[in-house]
Each structure stands twice: as C-alpha cells, then as structure tokens.
Amino acid sequence: MNAIFLCVAAIFLPFLGTSLGAAAVFFLRSLPSPRLTGALMGFAAGVMGAASVWSLLLPALERAEHPLTVGLGFLLGGLVFLWGDGLIARRGRVDRSRIPALSLILSVTLHNLPEGMAVGVVLAEFLSSPTGSGGGAALALAIGIALQNFPEGAVISLPLRALGKSPPKAFLPGFLSGVVEPVGALFALAFTGLAAPLLPFVLAFSAGAMTFVVAEELIPSYRSQNKEAGSIALFCGFVVMMLLDVILG
C-alpha cells in the first residue's frame, strides 16, 4: 500500500504544481497594464530560457550516450516549431496575435512530457528493485518538479490573462499543459525499456522548442509592450528558475 501511495503521489505531484501556478490568474483583479504585461512576458522568457538549460539540456546530456543526440534533438525541436510557425503564417488563416500564446502553450506542454517520463523511469527502477530502494528519490524528484512547475503554469496562464482572456479561459490551458506529466509517467512505467533510451532526445527536442518560443515570440512580445520592464523581468525569471532547478535538483 505504501508503494502504491508513493507511486500515485509521485505521478500526480508535478501536475498539481502546474495547476496551482496556472491558478494565479484568479488573483488578478483586472487586466494588467502594458508595463505589467511586458514584465509577465519577460518573466516567462527568463523562466523558459533557464528551464531549457537546467531542466532539459543538462539532464539530457547526463543521460545521453552521445552528445550528438542532444544536439540533434535541440535543433530539430527549434526547426519543427519554426516550420509550424511559417506554415501558419503562409496560410494566413490564424490571427497572428494568437500565435505567441499558442506556441507558448505547446512548448511548455512539450516540456512537461519528458519531466513526467523522468518520474516514471525512476519509479520503474524503484518498483523493480528487490530491496525496495529508490522510493524516496522518486518522491523527491516529483516534489522538485512540482515546485519548478508552479512558475511554468503561471507562465502560460498569466500572459493569456494579459492578452484579455477571462480567468477561467486563461487557467484552462495552463491546467491542461500539466496533464501530459502523469501521461508521460505512466508511459515510462509501462514501457521503461523504450522510454529510457528516448528520454535524452525528447528532453533536447523540448529545449529546442522552448528556445524558439523565447527568441521568436516572447522577446518580441515583451518589447512591444514595455521593453525595460520586460528585460528586467527576463533576468529575474531566469534566476528564479535557475535557482529552483539547481536547489531542487
């Protein structure tokens, strides 16, 4: 029973962290000013930039048999998002003002998938251990990811609120972006032999996608609102996420 409880807690804690971060929209009483909107976009850029390095690329390099796998995954992640953005622009059927929000949601969702897979891989190692060791490590990893996911959930929902969405409509994409975490964990638990070798590439691919969104969408967005506030917030967001990743490991 203790093993079952530990597995359920480890699988769903990261999702809970994302959901609580997204719920920050319910504490905004009105739409943010251009200065605050720029700061929110800049903070999102900083959080995602740091997460790309410490949450994704460094763990990918630690797990990869060859660094070329990580480099190819990173490049492919950026190129796929670049291709998708260009395809939308050529068809001209989507309001360009919605594309930053869409790219942001997709990239954070993509980032959450390998995090869930990482929890599942560690849980699989715990369940297969004849001595039952490793449960504490799995739970600690899940708690660390949950705390890191709090600003990431907010990074999706707060900019959507700044773009004029109602609190429930801004909350929903942030909430849904975390659903892939338990899905990734369950996939890794069921197919550990397949998930573990894929993890470095998936981590790097997600990092490439997030870096594209930072460079192509978030930085131009905050500069169009208030570049001074956005630039300061970018550095703050980067430091906050870096410290969370390093301290929570």
Protein backbone atom coordinates (compact mmCIF):
# COMPACT_ATOMS: atom_id res chain seq x y z
CA MET A 1 0.00 0.00 0.00
CA ASN A 2 2.84 2.39 0.80
CA ALA A 3 4.39 1.70 -2.61
CA ILE A 4 1.05 2.38 -4.33
CA PHE A 5 0.59 5.64 -2.43
CA LEU A 6 4.14 6.72 -3.25
CA CYS A 7 3.64 5.99 -6.95
CA VAL A 8 0.34 7.90 -7.12
CA ALA A 9 1.84 10.87 -5.29
CA ALA A 10 4.95 10.94 -7.49
CA ILE A 11 2.91 10.71 -10.69
CA PHE A 12 0.44 13.49 -9.86
CA LEU A 13 2.51 15.97 -7.81
CA PRO A 14 4.10 17.64 -10.90
CA PHE A 15 0.63 18.06 -12.42
CA LEU A 16 -0.58 19.65 -9.18
CA GLY A 17 2.31 22.13 -9.26
CA THR A 18 1.44 23.23 -12.80
CA SER A 19 -2.25 23.60 -11.93
CA LEU A 20 -1.54 25.73 -8.85
CA GLY A 21 0.71 28.01 -10.91
CA ALA A 22 -1.98 28.42 -13.56
CA ALA A 23 -4.49 29.31 -10.81
CA ALA A 24 -2.57 32.55 -10.21
CA VAL A 25 -4.86 34.18 -12.81
CA PHE A 26 -7.73 34.12 -10.32
CA PHE A 27 -5.83 36.58 -8.09
CA LEU A 28 -5.57 39.27 -10.79
CA ARG A 29 -8.49 41.65 -10.25
CA SER A 30 -8.16 43.36 -13.64
CA LEU A 31 -6.25 43.15 -16.91
CA PRO A 32 -2.56 44.05 -16.48
CA SER A 33 -1.19 47.34 -17.76
CA PRO A 34 1.24 47.32 -20.73
CA ARG A 35 4.11 47.59 -18.25
CA LEU A 36 2.94 44.56 -16.28
CA THR A 37 2.16 42.67 -19.50
CA GLY A 38 5.71 43.29 -20.69
CA ALA A 39 7.05 42.12 -17.34
CA LEU A 40 4.95 38.93 -17.47
CA MET A 41 6.17 38.14 -20.98
CA GLY A 42 9.77 38.87 -19.97
CA PHE A 43 9.49 36.71 -16.86
CA ALA A 44 8.08 33.89 -18.99
CA ALA A 45 11.05 34.23 -21.35
CA GLY A 46 13.50 34.03 -18.44
CA VAL A 47 11.80 31.03 -16.85
CA MET A 48 11.69 29.15 -20.15
CA GLY A 49 15.28 30.04 -21.01
CA ALA A 50 16.57 28.69 -17.70
CA ALA A 51 14.31 25.63 -17.88
CA SER A 52 15.69 24.84 -21.34
CA VAL A 53 19.20 24.60 -19.89
CA TRP A 54 18.83 23.20 -16.36
CA SER A 55 15.59 21.20 -16.65
CA LEU A 56 16.15 19.82 -20.13
CA LEU A 57 19.56 20.10 -21.78
CA LEU A 58 21.76 19.25 -18.79
CA PRO A 59 19.67 16.18 -17.78
CA ALA A 60 19.64 15.13 -21.44
CA LEU A 61 23.45 15.33 -21.63
CA GLU A 62 23.75 13.30 -18.41
CA ARG A 63 21.56 10.51 -19.78
CA ALA A 64 22.65 10.51 -23.44
CA GLU A 65 25.19 8.02 -24.70
CA HIS A 66 26.50 10.64 -27.15
CA PRO A 67 26.11 14.45 -27.01
CA LEU A 68 25.26 14.46 -30.72
CA THR A 69 21.86 13.01 -29.82
CA VAL A 70 21.19 16.05 -27.65
CA GLY A 71 22.40 18.48 -30.30
CA LEU A 72 20.22 16.91 -32.99
CA GLY A 73 17.19 16.85 -30.71
CA PHE A 74 17.66 20.52 -29.80
CA LEU A 75 18.00 21.60 -33.44
CA LEU A 76 15.03 19.51 -34.54
CA GLY A 77 12.83 20.96 -31.78
CA GLY A 78 13.59 24.51 -32.90
CA LEU A 79 13.22 23.70 -36.61
CA VAL A 80 9.87 21.95 -36.16
CA PHE A 81 8.43 24.97 -34.35
CA LEU A 82 9.96 27.31 -36.95
CA TRP A 83 8.36 25.26 -39.72
CA GLY A 84 4.99 25.23 -37.94
CA ASP A 85 5.09 28.98 -37.35
CA GLY A 86 5.93 29.61 -41.01
CA LEU A 87 3.18 27.27 -42.16
CA ILE A 88 0.60 29.17 -40.12
CA ALA A 89 1.86 32.50 -41.47
CA ARG A 90 1.70 31.33 -45.11
CA ARG A 91 -1.84 30.06 -44.80
CA GLY A 92 -2.89 33.30 -43.14
CA ARG A 93 -5.93 31.73 -41.51
CA VAL A 94 -4.92 32.35 -37.91
CA ASP A 95 -4.81 35.68 -36.10
CA ARG A 96 -1.10 36.39 -35.65
CA SER A 97 -1.78 37.89 -32.22
CA ARG A 98 -2.78 34.40 -31.01
CA ILE A 99 0.35 32.64 -32.23
CA PRO A 100 2.60 33.62 -29.28
CA ALA A 101 0.06 32.17 -26.85
CA LEU A 102 -0.33 29.01 -28.93
CA SER A 103 3.44 28.50 -29.22
CA LEU A 104 3.86 29.11 -25.50
CA ILE A 105 1.23 26.51 -24.60
CA LEU A 106 2.66 23.91 -26.98
CA SER A 107 6.26 24.38 -25.86
CA VAL A 108 5.52 24.18 -22.12
CA THR A 109 3.28 21.16 -22.71
CA LEU A 110 6.10 19.55 -24.67
CA HIS A 111 8.49 20.40 -21.84
CA ASN A 112 6.23 18.71 -19.30
CA LEU A 113 6.14 15.39 -21.16
CA PRO A 114 9.80 14.36 -20.60
CA GLU A 115 9.59 15.53 -16.99
CA GLY A 116 6.73 13.09 -16.46
CA MET A 117 8.71 10.39 -18.27
CA ALA A 118 11.69 11.03 -15.97
CA VAL A 119 9.50 10.45 -12.91
CA GLY A 120 8.14 7.27 -14.48
CA VAL A 121 11.64 5.94 -15.21
CA VAL A 122 12.74 6.50 -11.60
CA LEU A 123 9.53 4.89 -10.30
CA ALA A 124 10.12 1.88 -12.54
CA GLU A 125 13.60 1.50 -11.08
CA PHE A 126 12.09 1.68 -7.58
CA LEU A 127 9.42 -0.93 -8.31
CA SER A 128 11.92 -3.30 -9.91
CA SER A 129 14.39 -3.03 -7.02
CA PRO A 130 14.46 -6.25 -4.95
CA THR A 131 15.22 -4.21 -1.83
CA GLY A 132 12.52 -1.61 -2.48
CA SER A 133 15.07 1.21 -2.51
CA GLY A 134 14.66 4.36 -4.60
CA GLY A 135 11.19 5.36 -3.47
CA GLY A 136 12.47 8.43 -1.66
CA ALA A 137 14.42 9.52 -4.71
CA ALA A 138 11.31 9.23 -6.91
CA LEU A 139 9.21 11.26 -4.47
CA ALA A 140 11.93 13.90 -4.09
CA LEU A 141 12.17 14.21 -7.89
CA ALA A 142 8.40 14.63 -8.16
CA ILE A 143 8.33 17.31 -5.44
CA GLY A 144 11.18 19.18 -7.11
CA ILE A 145 9.44 19.11 -10.49
CA ALA A 146 6.16 20.22 -8.88
CA LEU A 147 7.83 23.27 -7.34
CA GLN A 148 9.53 24.08 -10.65
CA ASN A 149 6.20 23.71 -12.46
CA PHE A 150 4.49 26.37 -10.37
CA PRO A 151 6.09 29.29 -12.27
CA GLU A 152 5.69 27.37 -15.54
CA GLY A 153 1.93 27.05 -15.04
CA ALA A 154 1.79 30.75 -14.27
CA VAL A 155 3.92 31.47 -17.34
CA ILE A 156 1.17 30.07 -19.56
CA SER A 157 -1.91 31.45 -17.87
CA LEU A 158 -0.81 34.93 -16.78
CA PRO A 159 0.19 36.08 -20.30
CA LEU A 160 -3.14 34.76 -21.61
CA ARG A 161 -4.89 36.84 -18.96
CA ALA A 162 -2.78 39.81 -20.04
CA LEU A 163 -3.96 39.26 -23.62
CA GLY A 164 -7.57 39.67 -22.48
CA LYS A 165 -8.73 36.13 -21.69
CA SER A 166 -11.11 35.65 -18.76
CA PRO A 167 -9.60 33.96 -15.67
CA PRO A 168 -11.23 30.56 -16.37
CA LYS A 169 -10.18 30.63 -20.05
CA ALA A 170 -6.65 31.68 -19.11
CA PHE A 171 -6.43 28.99 -16.41
CA LEU A 172 -7.56 26.09 -18.61
CA PRO A 173 -4.54 25.92 -20.99
CA GLY A 174 -2.12 26.06 -18.05
CA PHE A 175 -4.07 23.31 -16.30
CA LEU A 176 -4.19 21.14 -19.44
CA SER A 177 -0.47 21.60 -20.12
CA GLY A 178 0.21 19.63 -16.94
CA VAL A 179 -1.97 16.67 -17.94
CA VAL A 180 0.85 15.26 -20.07
CA GLU A 181 3.02 14.78 -16.96
CA PRO A 182 1.07 11.84 -15.47
CA VAL A 183 0.62 10.55 -19.04
CA GLY A 184 4.39 10.61 -19.57
CA ALA A 185 5.00 8.96 -16.19
CA LEU A 186 2.53 6.16 -16.90
CA PHE A 187 4.04 5.63 -20.36
CA ALA A 188 7.51 5.31 -18.84
CA LEU A 189 6.23 2.92 -16.19
CA ALA A 190 4.58 0.72 -18.81
CA PHE A 191 7.38 0.85 -21.39
CA THR A 192 10.53 1.54 -19.40
CA GLY A 193 12.76 -0.25 -21.90
CA LEU A 194 11.53 2.07 -24.67
CA ALA A 195 11.12 5.29 -22.67
CA ALA A 196 14.57 5.42 -21.06
CA PRO A 197 16.59 5.48 -24.34
CA LEU A 198 14.20 8.05 -25.85
CA LEU A 199 14.37 10.42 -22.89
CA PRO A 200 17.57 12.36 -23.82
CA PHE A 201 16.28 13.11 -27.32
CA VAL A 202 12.81 14.13 -26.06
CA LEU A 203 14.37 16.40 -23.42
CA ALA A 204 16.59 18.08 -26.03
CA PHE A 205 13.73 18.41 -28.54
CA SER A 206 11.64 20.17 -25.87
CA ALA A 207 14.54 22.51 -25.09
CA GLY A 208 14.82 23.46 -28.76
CA ALA A 209 11.10 24.17 -28.96
CA MET A 210 11.18 26.34 -25.82
CA THR A 211 14.22 28.27 -27.02
CA PHE A 212 12.46 29.02 -30.31
CA VAL A 213 9.42 30.38 -28.46
CA VAL A 214 11.63 32.58 -26.26
CA ALA A 215 13.52 34.03 -29.22
CA GLU A 216 10.72 34.27 -31.76
CA GLU A 217 7.63 35.01 -29.67
CA LEU A 218 8.22 36.10 -26.08
CA ILE A 219 11.06 38.57 -26.51
CA PRO A 220 9.32 40.45 -29.39
CA SER A 221 6.07 40.39 -27.38
CA TYR A 222 7.53 42.00 -24.27
CA ARG A 223 9.49 44.54 -26.32
CA SER A 224 6.25 45.67 -27.96
CA GLN A 225 4.70 46.26 -24.52
CA ASN A 226 7.43 47.65 -22.27
CA LYS A 227 10.96 46.56 -23.10
CA GLU A 228 12.57 47.93 -19.92
CA ALA A 229 10.18 46.10 -17.59
CA GLY A 230 10.36 43.01 -19.78
CA SER A 231 14.15 42.91 -19.84
CA ILE A 232 14.41 43.24 -16.06
CA ALA A 233 11.75 40.56 -15.59
CA LEU A 234 13.58 38.25 -18.04
CA PHE A 235 16.69 38.28 -15.85
CA CYS A 236 14.57 37.78 -12.72
CA GLY A 237 12.70 34.87 -14.26
CA PHE A 238 15.94 33.26 -15.41
CA VAL A 239 17.49 33.50 -11.94
CA VAL A 240 14.35 32.21 -10.19
CA MET A 241 14.08 29.18 -12.45
CA MET A 242 17.83 28.51 -12.34
CA LEU A 243 17.84 28.52 -8.53
CA LEU A 244 14.79 26.25 -8.38
CA ASP A 245 16.42 23.78 -10.78
CA VAL A 246 19.79 23.80 -9.01
CA ILE A 247 18.47 23.73 -5.43
CA LEU A 248 15.75 21.15 -6.09
CA GLY A 249 17.98 19.22 -8.48
